[in-house]
Amino acid sequence: MEDKAEDNQVVEGDVAGAAAQPGELERLTQDLAETKDRYIRLMADFENFKKRALKEQSELLKYQGERLVVDLLEVLDNLELALSYSSADYEKLKAGLEMIHKIFVERLGRWEIRGEGAVGSEFDPKKHAAISRVPGSDAKPGTVVGELKKPYFYKDKLIRVGEVVVAAGVEETQSQA
């Protein structure tokens, strides 16, 4: 029982000691108000940051292809220029078209878009669609001997399957006859 009485006196003494210090309660109340104010401002800043980040991300997605379009406009300008000289001699027109092709391939390369020539390679059903088989070719059966459309890749992803002509084997040629 004496222990309980001593504990109560210690607790009452601590409370009385804290209250006895003049201005301590006011200082703690002021510190709490300042901390609360900083917290509210920090939360407001964070909400503003989230809104700004969301707006920037939205604009980035909306206009993500802008640089690609600017690069392609240069190719279009060159094509229009070539068409304006279409009555010129054949060699000049051909040279102009070759230049435009080179610029176009270069611009696609900037965007990591590349075509892959298939002629001479083994037919790969993951990259090629065989639109025809040619019998009696000197090429090994299953080899791509012609290409109507190249397969194209964007970075490491196949974005267009190539359309190819494949060499047929001798037994395929005889069975079709």
C-alpha atoms as a PDB file:
ATOM      1  CA  MET A   1       0.000   0.000   0.000  1.00  0.00           C
ATOM      2  CA  GLU A   2       2.824   2.297   0.771  1.00  0.00           C
ATOM      3  CA  ASP A   3       4.196   1.600  -2.716  1.00  0.00           C
ATOM      4  CA  LYS A   4       0.971   2.819  -4.309  1.00  0.00           C
ATOM      5  CA  ALA A   5       1.036   5.965  -2.264  1.00  0.00           C
ATOM      6  CA  GLU A   6       4.631   6.635  -3.259  1.00  0.00           C
ATOM      7  CA  ASP A   7       3.812   6.058  -6.959  1.00  0.00           C
ATOM      8  CA  ASN A   8       0.935   8.522  -6.770  1.00  0.00           C
ATOM      9  CA  GLN A   9       3.161  11.106  -5.116  1.00  0.00           C
ATOM     10  CA  VAL A  10       5.819  10.656  -7.840  1.00  0.00           C
ATOM     11  CA  VAL A  11       3.270  11.037 -10.615  1.00  0.00           C
ATOM     12  CA  GLU A  12       1.656  14.032  -8.947  1.00  0.00           C
ATOM     13  CA  GLY A  13       5.085  15.507  -8.377  1.00  0.00           C
ATOM     14  CA  ASP A  14       6.003  15.125 -12.079  1.00  0.00           C
ATOM     15  CA  VAL A  15       2.767  16.763 -13.206  1.00  0.00           C
ATOM     16  CA  ALA A  16       3.152  19.467 -10.626  1.00  0.00           C
ATOM     17  CA  GLY A  17       6.780  19.960 -11.698  1.00  0.00           C
ATOM     18  CA  ALA A  18       5.814  20.318 -15.363  1.00  0.00           C
ATOM     19  CA  ALA A  19       3.025  22.707 -14.553  1.00  0.00           C
ATOM     20  CA  ALA A  20       5.267  24.570 -12.195  1.00  0.00           C
ATOM     21  CA  GLN A  21       7.606  25.568 -15.040  1.00  0.00           C
ATOM     22  CA  PRO A  22       6.173  28.814 -16.325  1.00  0.00           C
ATOM     23  CA  GLY A  23       5.442  28.956 -20.054  1.00  0.00           C
ATOM     24  CA  GLU A  24       6.267  25.267 -20.728  1.00  0.00           C
ATOM     25  CA  LEU A  25       2.707  24.389 -21.709  1.00  0.00           C
ATOM     26  CA  GLU A  26       2.451  27.443 -23.964  1.00  0.00           C
ATOM     27  CA  ARG A  27       5.772  26.565 -25.622  1.00  0.00           C
ATOM     28  CA  LEU A  28       4.667  22.967 -26.253  1.00  0.00           C
ATOM     29  CA  THR A  29       1.330  24.173 -27.614  1.00  0.00           C
ATOM     30  CA  GLN A  30       3.127  26.610 -29.936  1.00  0.00           C
ATOM     31  CA  ASP A  31       5.568  23.879 -31.100  1.00  0.00           C
ATOM     32  CA  LEU A  32       2.625  21.600 -31.821  1.00  0.00           C
ATOM     33  CA  ALA A  33       0.848  24.327 -33.817  1.00  0.00           C
ATOM     34  CA  GLU A  34       4.024  25.038 -35.846  1.00  0.00           C
ATOM     35  CA  THR A  35       4.558  21.338 -36.530  1.00  0.00           C
ATOM     36  CA  LYS A  36       0.935  20.971 -37.594  1.00  0.00           C
ATOM     37  CA  ASP A  37       1.286  23.996 -39.899  1.00  0.00           C
ATOM     38  CA  ARG A  38       4.472  22.549 -41.481  1.00  0.00           C
ATOM     39  CA  TYR A  39       2.715  19.212 -41.947  1.00  0.00           C
ATOM     40  CA  ILE A  40      -0.290  20.827 -43.651  1.00  0.00           C
ATOM     41  CA  ARG A  41       1.982  22.859 -45.963  1.00  0.00           C
ATOM     42  CA  LEU A  42       4.056  19.782 -46.781  1.00  0.00           C
ATOM     43  CA  MET A  43       0.927  17.821 -47.656  1.00  0.00           C
ATOM     44  CA  ALA A  44      -0.293  20.675 -49.876  1.00  0.00           C
ATOM     45  CA  ASP A  45       3.097  20.817 -51.635  1.00  0.00           C
ATOM     46  CA  PHE A  46       2.981  17.072 -52.143  1.00  0.00           C
ATOM     47  CA  GLU A  47      -0.538  17.223 -53.618  1.00  0.00           C
ATOM     48  CA  ASN A  48       0.584  20.016 -55.986  1.00  0.00           C
ATOM     49  CA  PHE A  49       3.607  17.927 -56.986  1.00  0.00           C
ATOM     50  CA  LYS A  50       1.378  14.930 -57.762  1.00  0.00           C
ATOM     51  CA  LYS A  51      -0.937  17.099 -59.890  1.00  0.00           C
ATOM     52  CA  ARG A  52       2.027  18.605 -61.799  1.00  0.00           C
ATOM     53  CA  ALA A  53       3.575  15.180 -62.373  1.00  0.00           C
ATOM     54  CA  LEU A  54       0.271  13.777 -63.625  1.00  0.00           C
ATOM     55  CA  LYS A  55      -0.180  16.728 -66.008  1.00  0.00           C
ATOM     56  CA  GLU A  56       3.389  16.370 -67.341  1.00  0.00           C
ATOM     57  CA  GLN A  57       2.931  12.627 -67.836  1.00  0.00           C
ATOM     58  CA  SER A  58      -0.369  13.218 -69.631  1.00  0.00           C
ATOM     59  CA  GLU A  59       1.230  15.739 -71.996  1.00  0.00           C
ATOM     60  CA  LEU A  60       4.179  13.445 -72.599  1.00  0.00           C
ATOM     61  CA  LEU A  61       1.851  10.616 -73.622  1.00  0.00           C
ATOM     62  CA  LYS A  62      -0.318  12.931 -75.707  1.00  0.00           C
ATOM     63  CA  TYR A  63       2.609  14.262 -77.743  1.00  0.00           C
ATOM     64  CA  GLN A  64       4.966  11.275 -77.553  1.00  0.00           C
ATOM     65  CA  GLY A  65       5.181  10.892 -81.328  1.00  0.00           C
ATOM     66  CA  GLU A  66       5.879  14.561 -82.058  1.00  0.00           C
ATOM     67  CA  ARG A  67       9.603  14.140 -82.754  1.00  0.00           C
ATOM     68  CA  LEU A  68       8.899  11.170 -85.034  1.00  0.00           C
ATOM     69  CA  VAL A  69       6.374  13.226 -86.978  1.00  0.00           C
ATOM     70  CA  VAL A  70       8.885  16.073 -87.397  1.00  0.00           C
ATOM     71  CA  ASP A  71      11.425  13.584 -88.792  1.00  0.00           C
ATOM     72  CA  LEU A  72       8.851  12.151 -91.197  1.00  0.00           C
ATOM     73  CA  LEU A  73       7.825  15.619 -92.369  1.00  0.00           C
ATOM     74  CA  GLU A  74      11.348  16.091 -93.726  1.00  0.00           C
ATOM     75  CA  VAL A  75      10.887  12.940 -95.813  1.00  0.00           C
ATOM     76  CA  LEU A  76       7.506  14.201 -97.015  1.00  0.00           C
ATOM     77  CA  ASP A  77       9.055  17.548 -98.016  1.00  0.00           C
ATOM     78  CA  ASN A  78      11.665  15.724-100.082  1.00  0.00           C
ATOM     79  CA  LEU A  79       9.027  13.538-101.749  1.00  0.00           C
ATOM     80  CA  GLU A  80       6.988  16.595-102.697  1.00  0.00           C
ATOM     81  CA  LEU A  81      10.104  18.239-104.099  1.00  0.00           C
ATOM     82  CA  ALA A  82      10.887  15.108-106.148  1.00  0.00           C
ATOM     83  CA  LEU A  83       7.324  15.014-107.476  1.00  0.00           C
ATOM     84  CA  SER A  84       7.587  18.629-108.576  1.00  0.00           C
ATOM     85  CA  TYR A  85      10.549  17.591-110.751  1.00  0.00           C
ATOM     86  CA  SER A  86       8.918  14.397-112.019  1.00  0.00           C
ATOM     87  CA  SER A  87       9.129  15.632-115.594  1.00  0.00           C
ATOM     88  CA  ALA A  88      12.922  15.816-115.227  1.00  0.00           C
ATOM     89  CA  ASP A  89      15.054  13.104-116.698  1.00  0.00           C
ATOM     90  CA  TYR A  90      14.875   9.625-115.278  1.00  0.00           C
ATOM     91  CA  GLU A  91      18.371   9.582-113.753  1.00  0.00           C
ATOM     92  CA  LYS A  92      17.755  12.739-111.714  1.00  0.00           C
ATOM     93  CA  LEU A  93      14.411  11.411-110.501  1.00  0.00           C
ATOM     94  CA  LYS A  94      15.990   8.090-109.573  1.00  0.00           C
ATOM     95  CA  ALA A  95      18.813   9.828-107.682  1.00  0.00           C
ATOM     96  CA  GLY A  96      16.284  11.957-105.816  1.00  0.00           C
ATOM     97  CA  LEU A  97      14.229   8.927-104.830  1.00  0.00           C
ATOM     98  CA  GLU A  98      17.350   7.101-103.648  1.00  0.00           C
ATOM     99  CA  MET A  99      18.258  10.117-101.519  1.00  0.00           C
ATOM    100  CA  ILE A 100      14.750  10.204-100.017  1.00  0.00           C
ATOM    101  CA  HIS A 101      14.927   6.475 -99.280  1.00  0.00           C
ATOM    102  CA  LYS A 102      18.271   6.941 -97.532  1.00  0.00           C
ATOM    103  CA  ILE A 103      16.918   9.826 -95.412  1.00  0.00           C
ATOM    104  CA  PHE A 104      13.798   7.847 -94.543  1.00  0.00           C
ATOM    105  CA  VAL A 105      15.777   4.769 -93.425  1.00  0.00           C
ATOM    106  CA  GLU A 106      18.068   7.044 -91.393  1.00  0.00           C
ATOM    107  CA  ARG A 107      15.098   8.705 -89.660  1.00  0.00           C
ATOM    108  CA  LEU A 108      13.569   5.340 -88.826  1.00  0.00           C
ATOM    109  CA  GLY A 109      16.950   4.269 -87.426  1.00  0.00           C
ATOM    110  CA  ARG A 110      16.873   7.224 -85.031  1.00  0.00           C
ATOM    111  CA  TRP A 111      13.735   5.692 -83.573  1.00  0.00           C
ATOM    112  CA  GLU A 112      15.259   2.202 -83.467  1.00  0.00           C
ATOM    113  CA  ILE A 113      12.971   1.011 -86.253  1.00  0.00           C
ATOM    114  CA  ARG A 114      14.757  -1.297 -88.630  1.00  0.00           C
ATOM    115  CA  GLY A 115      13.925  -3.567 -91.486  1.00  0.00           C
ATOM    116  CA  GLU A 116      15.617  -6.910 -91.835  1.00  0.00           C
ATOM    117  CA  GLY A 117      16.300  -8.261 -95.292  1.00  0.00           C
ATOM    118  CA  ALA A 118      15.292 -11.902 -95.557  1.00  0.00           C
ATOM    119  CA  VAL A 119      16.574 -12.957 -98.992  1.00  0.00           C
ATOM    120  CA  GLY A 120      19.107 -15.759 -98.624  1.00  0.00           C
ATOM    121  CA  SER A 121      18.155 -16.532 -95.033  1.00  0.00           C
ATOM    122  CA  GLU A 122      16.261 -19.524 -93.675  1.00  0.00           C
ATOM    123  CA  PHE A 123      12.474 -19.082 -93.597  1.00  0.00           C
ATOM    124  CA  ASP A 124      11.388 -18.195 -90.038  1.00  0.00           C
ATOM    125  CA  PRO A 125       7.622 -18.400 -89.428  1.00  0.00           C
ATOM    126  CA  LYS A 126       8.020 -16.040 -86.457  1.00  0.00           C
ATOM    127  CA  LYS A 127       9.248 -13.254 -88.782  1.00  0.00           C
ATOM    128  CA  HIS A 128       8.022 -14.269 -92.241  1.00  0.00           C
ATOM    129  CA  ALA A 129       4.777 -15.098 -93.979  1.00  0.00           C
ATOM    130  CA  ALA A 130       5.354 -17.291 -97.039  1.00  0.00           C
ATOM    131  CA  ILE A 131       3.114 -15.961 -99.782  1.00  0.00           C
ATOM    132  CA  SER A 132       4.560 -18.232-102.459  1.00  0.00           C
ATOM    133  CA  ARG A 133       6.860 -21.201-103.012  1.00  0.00           C
ATOM    134  CA  VAL A 134       9.139 -21.319-106.035  1.00  0.00           C
ATOM    135  CA  PRO A 135      10.026 -24.737-107.451  1.00  0.00           C
ATOM    136  CA  GLY A 136      13.289 -25.518-109.224  1.00  0.00           C
ATOM    137  CA  SER A 137      15.312 -22.837-107.506  1.00  0.00           C
ATOM    138  CA  ASP A 138      19.051 -23.202-106.994  1.00  0.00           C
ATOM    139  CA  ALA A 139      18.521 -22.313-103.340  1.00  0.00           C
ATOM    140  CA  LYS A 140      18.203 -24.875-100.563  1.00  0.00           C
ATOM    141  CA  PRO A 141      14.563 -25.724 -99.784  1.00  0.00           C
ATOM    142  CA  GLY A 142      13.133 -23.445 -97.084  1.00  0.00           C
ATOM    143  CA  THR A 143      15.388 -20.547 -98.057  1.00  0.00           C
ATOM    144  CA  VAL A 144      13.874 -17.142 -98.720  1.00  0.00           C
ATOM    145  CA  VAL A 145      14.452 -16.310-102.404  1.00  0.00           C
ATOM    146  CA  GLY A 146      12.236 -13.258-102.763  1.00  0.00           C
ATOM    147  CA  GLU A 147      10.823 -10.554-100.589  1.00  0.00           C
ATOM    148  CA  LEU A 148       7.731  -8.423-101.115  1.00  0.00           C
ATOM    149  CA  LYS A 149       7.821  -6.821 -97.678  1.00  0.00           C
ATOM    150  CA  LYS A 150      10.636  -6.840 -95.131  1.00  0.00           C
ATOM    151  CA  PRO A 151       9.954  -7.712 -91.528  1.00  0.00           C
ATOM    152  CA  TYR A 152      10.308  -4.580 -89.358  1.00  0.00           C
ATOM    153  CA  PHE A 153      11.320  -4.285 -85.736  1.00  0.00           C
ATOM    154  CA  TYR A 154      10.795  -1.502 -83.217  1.00  0.00           C
ATOM    155  CA  LYS A 155      13.667  -1.860 -80.782  1.00  0.00           C
ATOM    156  CA  ASP A 156      13.560  -5.627 -80.159  1.00  0.00           C
ATOM    157  CA  LYS A 157       9.854  -6.151 -80.976  1.00  0.00           C
ATOM    158  CA  LEU A 158       8.624  -7.428 -84.340  1.00  0.00           C
ATOM    159  CA  ILE A 159       6.062  -4.891 -85.543  1.00  0.00           C
ATOM    160  CA  ARG A 160       5.479  -6.239 -89.054  1.00  0.00           C
ATOM    161  CA  VAL A 161       5.888  -9.725 -90.445  1.00  0.00           C
ATOM    162  CA  GLY A 162       7.715  -9.900 -93.756  1.00  0.00           C
ATOM    163  CA  GLU A 163       6.042 -11.307 -96.850  1.00  0.00           C
ATOM    164  CA  VAL A 164       8.462 -13.648 -98.624  1.00  0.00           C
ATOM    165  CA  VAL A 165       8.846 -16.183-101.404  1.00  0.00           C
ATOM    166  CA  VAL A 166      10.419 -19.470-100.325  1.00  0.00           C
ATOM    167  CA  ALA A 167      12.363 -22.057-102.339  1.00  0.00           C
ATOM    168  CA  ALA A 168      10.487 -25.342-102.643  1.00  0.00           C
ATOM    169  CA  GLY A 169      12.144 -28.745-102.422  1.00  0.00           C
ATOM    170  CA  VAL A 170      12.488 -31.119-105.382  1.00  0.00           C
ATOM    171  CA  GLU A 171       9.859 -33.529-103.985  1.00  0.00           C
ATOM    172  CA  GLU A 172       7.391 -30.626-103.633  1.00  0.00           C
ATOM    173  CA  THR A 173       7.964 -29.705-107.282  1.00  0.00           C
ATOM    174  CA  GLN A 174       7.332 -33.279-108.482  1.00  0.00           C
ATOM    175  CA  SER A 175       4.204 -33.758-106.341  1.00  0.00           C
ATOM    176  CA  GLN A 176       2.667 -30.567-107.746  1.00  0.00           C
ATOM    177  CA  ALA A 177       3.220 -31.729-111.352  1.00  0.00           C
END
